[in-house]
Amino acid sequence: MPAGDTHTVTVHLRREKPPIRNATLASTGDEVTYGLPGWQAEHYGFEPDSLPKHPGTLDHLVSSVAGCLIGTFGGALRARDIPTDGDKLTATAEGEVVVDDDNVLRLRKITVRYTLKADPAKREAAERACAHHARHCPNARSVMPAIEIVTEVDVVPLEAPAAA
């Protein structure tokens, strides 16, 4: 796809009984249901225990950015001959949400902590890739002006295969 090309992502939305919302992704037909879990429900005046359990849109925003980041990081590692298949590359993502002065919840920061099982000789290459991959991630790049993106990698030695 040449630079400057524009493509459209379409999502069809409907608001069920508040605060439940459904989204259908036009590209696949998959449906996602959003709710207000826990503290998010309380913030907006709903009783959390009275609502069906669905992830909130903030949960999906963190997941979407982190899912794109781990894919981008995996590609950068693969280019450096560092395998990421199976459970060699895993991550935990945390979103930091604040309440702004006008009482609106805002995702301020996403921190992604990777664990990479790799040859210790590849540590420096993995750390360099981690330091630079976020700016090549479509989702991270899209939200960076408003959301701080932090990535960290812990390189742990590969376990030796069990003797047969």
Protein backbone atom coordinates (compact mmCIF):
# COMPACT_ATOMS: atom_id res chain seq x y z
CA MET A 1 0.00 0.00 0.00
CA PRO A 2 1.68 3.24 -1.08
CA ALA A 3 2.15 6.07 1.41
CA GLY A 4 -0.73 8.50 1.36
CA ASP A 5 -3.33 5.93 0.33
CA THR A 6 -6.52 6.08 2.34
CA HIS A 7 -8.56 3.05 3.36
CA THR A 8 -11.71 2.84 5.42
CA VAL A 9 -12.46 0.66 8.42
CA THR A 10 -16.21 0.31 8.99
CA VAL A 11 -17.91 -0.72 12.21
CA HIS A 12 -21.70 -0.85 12.60
CA LEU A 13 -22.87 0.10 16.10
CA ARG A 14 -26.08 -0.12 18.04
CA ARG A 15 -26.88 0.85 21.56
CA GLU A 16 -28.68 -1.88 23.44
CA LYS A 17 -30.15 -1.26 26.86
CA PRO A 18 -27.72 1.31 28.35
CA PRO A 19 -24.87 0.89 28.99
CA ILE A 20 -24.63 -2.14 26.66
CA ARG A 21 -23.39 -1.43 23.13
CA ASN A 22 -22.77 -3.80 20.23
CA ALA A 23 -20.30 -3.35 17.41
CA THR A 24 -20.18 -5.42 14.23
CA LEU A 25 -16.91 -5.30 12.32
CA ALA A 26 -17.70 -4.96 8.63
CA SER A 27 -14.43 -6.65 7.63
CA THR A 28 -15.28 -9.97 9.32
CA GLY A 29 -18.85 -9.79 10.60
CA ASP A 30 -17.56 -10.39 14.14
CA GLU A 31 -19.63 -8.85 16.89
CA VAL A 32 -18.24 -7.27 20.05
CA THR A 33 -20.39 -6.36 23.03
CA TYR A 34 -19.26 -3.52 25.29
CA GLY A 35 -20.39 -2.89 28.81
CA LEU A 36 -19.12 -1.07 31.87
CA PRO A 37 -17.15 -3.34 34.18
CA GLY A 38 -16.50 -2.58 37.85
CA TRP A 39 -15.21 0.87 38.63
CA GLN A 40 -16.22 2.14 35.17
CA ALA A 41 -19.86 1.29 35.93
CA GLU A 42 -19.63 2.99 39.33
CA HIS A 43 -18.12 6.10 37.73
CA TYR A 44 -21.09 6.41 35.37
CA GLY A 45 -23.68 5.75 38.07
CA PHE A 46 -24.49 2.09 37.39
CA GLU A 47 -24.48 -0.68 39.97
CA PRO A 48 -21.68 -3.00 38.72
CA ASP A 49 -23.30 -6.18 40.05
CA SER A 50 -26.55 -5.43 38.19
CA LEU A 51 -24.92 -5.36 34.75
CA PRO A 52 -24.05 -8.23 32.43
CA LYS A 53 -20.29 -8.86 32.34
CA HIS A 54 -18.82 -7.33 29.20
CA PRO A 55 -15.52 -5.56 28.71
CA GLY A 56 -15.53 -1.80 28.48
CA THR A 57 -14.38 0.19 25.49
CA LEU A 58 -11.29 1.25 27.46
CA ASP A 59 -10.42 -2.45 27.95
CA HIS A 60 -10.65 -2.97 24.20
CA LEU A 61 -8.61 0.14 23.45
CA VAL A 62 -5.78 -1.12 25.66
CA SER A 63 -6.10 -4.62 24.17
CA SER A 64 -6.15 -3.32 20.59
CA VAL A 65 -3.05 -1.17 21.01
CA ALA A 66 -1.19 -3.91 22.91
CA GLY A 67 -2.25 -6.57 20.39
CA CYS A 68 -0.87 -4.47 17.56
CA LEU A 69 2.32 -3.71 19.52
CA ILE A 70 3.11 -7.38 20.22
CA GLY A 71 2.63 -8.13 16.53
CA THR A 72 4.95 -5.29 15.52
CA PHE A 73 7.52 -6.29 18.14
CA GLY A 74 7.32 -9.92 16.99
CA GLY A 75 8.03 -8.82 13.42
CA ALA A 76 11.01 -6.75 14.55
CA LEU A 77 12.37 -9.73 16.50
CA ARG A 78 11.83 -12.09 13.57
CA ALA A 79 13.87 -9.71 11.37
CA ARG A 80 16.68 -10.16 13.91
CA ASP A 81 16.40 -13.97 13.81
CA ILE A 82 14.80 -14.13 17.25
CA PRO A 83 11.96 -16.70 17.27
CA THR A 84 8.64 -15.65 18.84
CA ASP A 85 6.47 -18.70 18.17
CA GLY A 86 4.57 -20.64 20.82
CA ASP A 87 5.01 -19.06 24.21
CA LYS A 88 8.38 -17.42 23.47
CA LEU A 89 6.84 -13.93 23.35
CA THR A 90 4.08 -12.99 25.78
CA ALA A 91 2.95 -9.68 27.25
CA THR A 92 0.83 -8.01 29.86
CA ALA A 93 -0.70 -4.64 29.10
CA GLU A 94 -1.98 -2.11 31.59
CA GLY A 95 -3.93 1.02 30.83
CA GLU A 96 -3.76 3.97 33.21
CA VAL A 97 -7.08 5.78 33.31
CA VAL A 98 -7.58 9.19 34.92
CA VAL A 99 -10.66 11.26 35.60
CA ASP A 100 -10.30 14.65 33.95
CA ASP A 101 -11.60 17.87 35.53
CA ASP A 102 -14.85 17.55 33.56
CA ASN A 103 -15.39 14.04 35.02
CA VAL A 104 -14.60 12.21 31.77
CA LEU A 105 -12.50 9.06 32.00
CA ARG A 106 -9.36 9.27 29.84
CA LEU A 107 -6.79 6.62 29.01
CA ARG A 108 -3.53 8.40 29.80
CA LYS A 109 -0.93 5.65 29.42
CA ILE A 110 -0.57 2.10 28.14
CA THR A 111 2.32 0.04 29.45
CA VAL A 112 3.15 -3.24 27.71
CA ARG A 113 5.55 -5.58 29.52
CA TYR A 114 6.90 -8.32 27.29
CA THR A 115 8.52 -11.55 28.37
CA LEU A 116 10.77 -12.99 25.69
CA LYS A 117 12.25 -16.46 26.01
CA ALA A 118 15.39 -16.20 23.92
CA ASP A 119 19.09 -16.90 23.68
CA PRO A 120 20.78 -14.49 26.14
CA ALA A 121 23.14 -13.48 23.32
CA LYS A 122 20.10 -11.88 21.62
CA ARG A 123 19.27 -9.64 24.63
CA GLU A 124 20.75 -6.42 23.20
CA ALA A 125 19.06 -6.89 19.83
CA ALA A 126 15.72 -7.54 21.57
CA GLU A 127 16.10 -4.48 23.78
CA ARG A 128 16.92 -2.28 20.76
CA ALA A 129 13.86 -3.61 18.92
CA CYS A 130 11.71 -2.91 21.98
CA ALA A 131 13.02 0.65 22.19
CA HIS A 132 11.95 1.44 18.61
CA HIS A 133 9.01 -0.76 17.58
CA ALA A 134 6.14 1.35 18.96
CA ARG A 135 6.64 4.09 16.37
CA HIS A 136 6.14 1.44 13.65
CA CYS A 137 2.89 0.09 15.14
CA PRO A 138 -0.25 1.43 13.42
CA ASN A 139 -2.42 1.44 16.56
CA ALA A 140 0.24 2.89 18.85
CA ARG A 141 1.14 5.56 16.31
CA SER A 142 -2.54 6.47 15.97
CA VAL A 143 -3.04 7.10 19.68
CA MET A 144 0.43 8.37 20.71
CA PRO A 145 -0.48 12.03 20.49
CA ALA A 146 -2.97 11.51 23.34
CA ILE A 147 -1.80 8.35 25.12
CA GLU A 148 1.70 7.69 26.42
CA ILE A 149 2.98 4.32 25.18
CA VAL A 150 5.58 2.52 27.32
CA THR A 151 7.11 -0.83 26.39
CA GLU A 152 9.52 -3.00 28.36
CA VAL A 153 11.06 -6.38 27.64
CA ASP A 154 12.36 -8.99 30.05
CA VAL A 155 14.55 -11.47 28.21
CA VAL A 156 14.67 -14.83 29.97
CA PRO A 157 16.80 -17.80 28.88
CA LEU A 158 15.17 -20.47 26.73
CA GLU A 159 14.61 -23.68 28.60
CA ALA A 160 16.67 -26.56 27.33
CA PRO A 161 14.53 -29.19 25.60
CA ALA A 162 13.86 -32.22 27.76
CA ALA A 163 16.04 -35.26 27.02
CA ALA A 164 14.14 -38.14 25.45
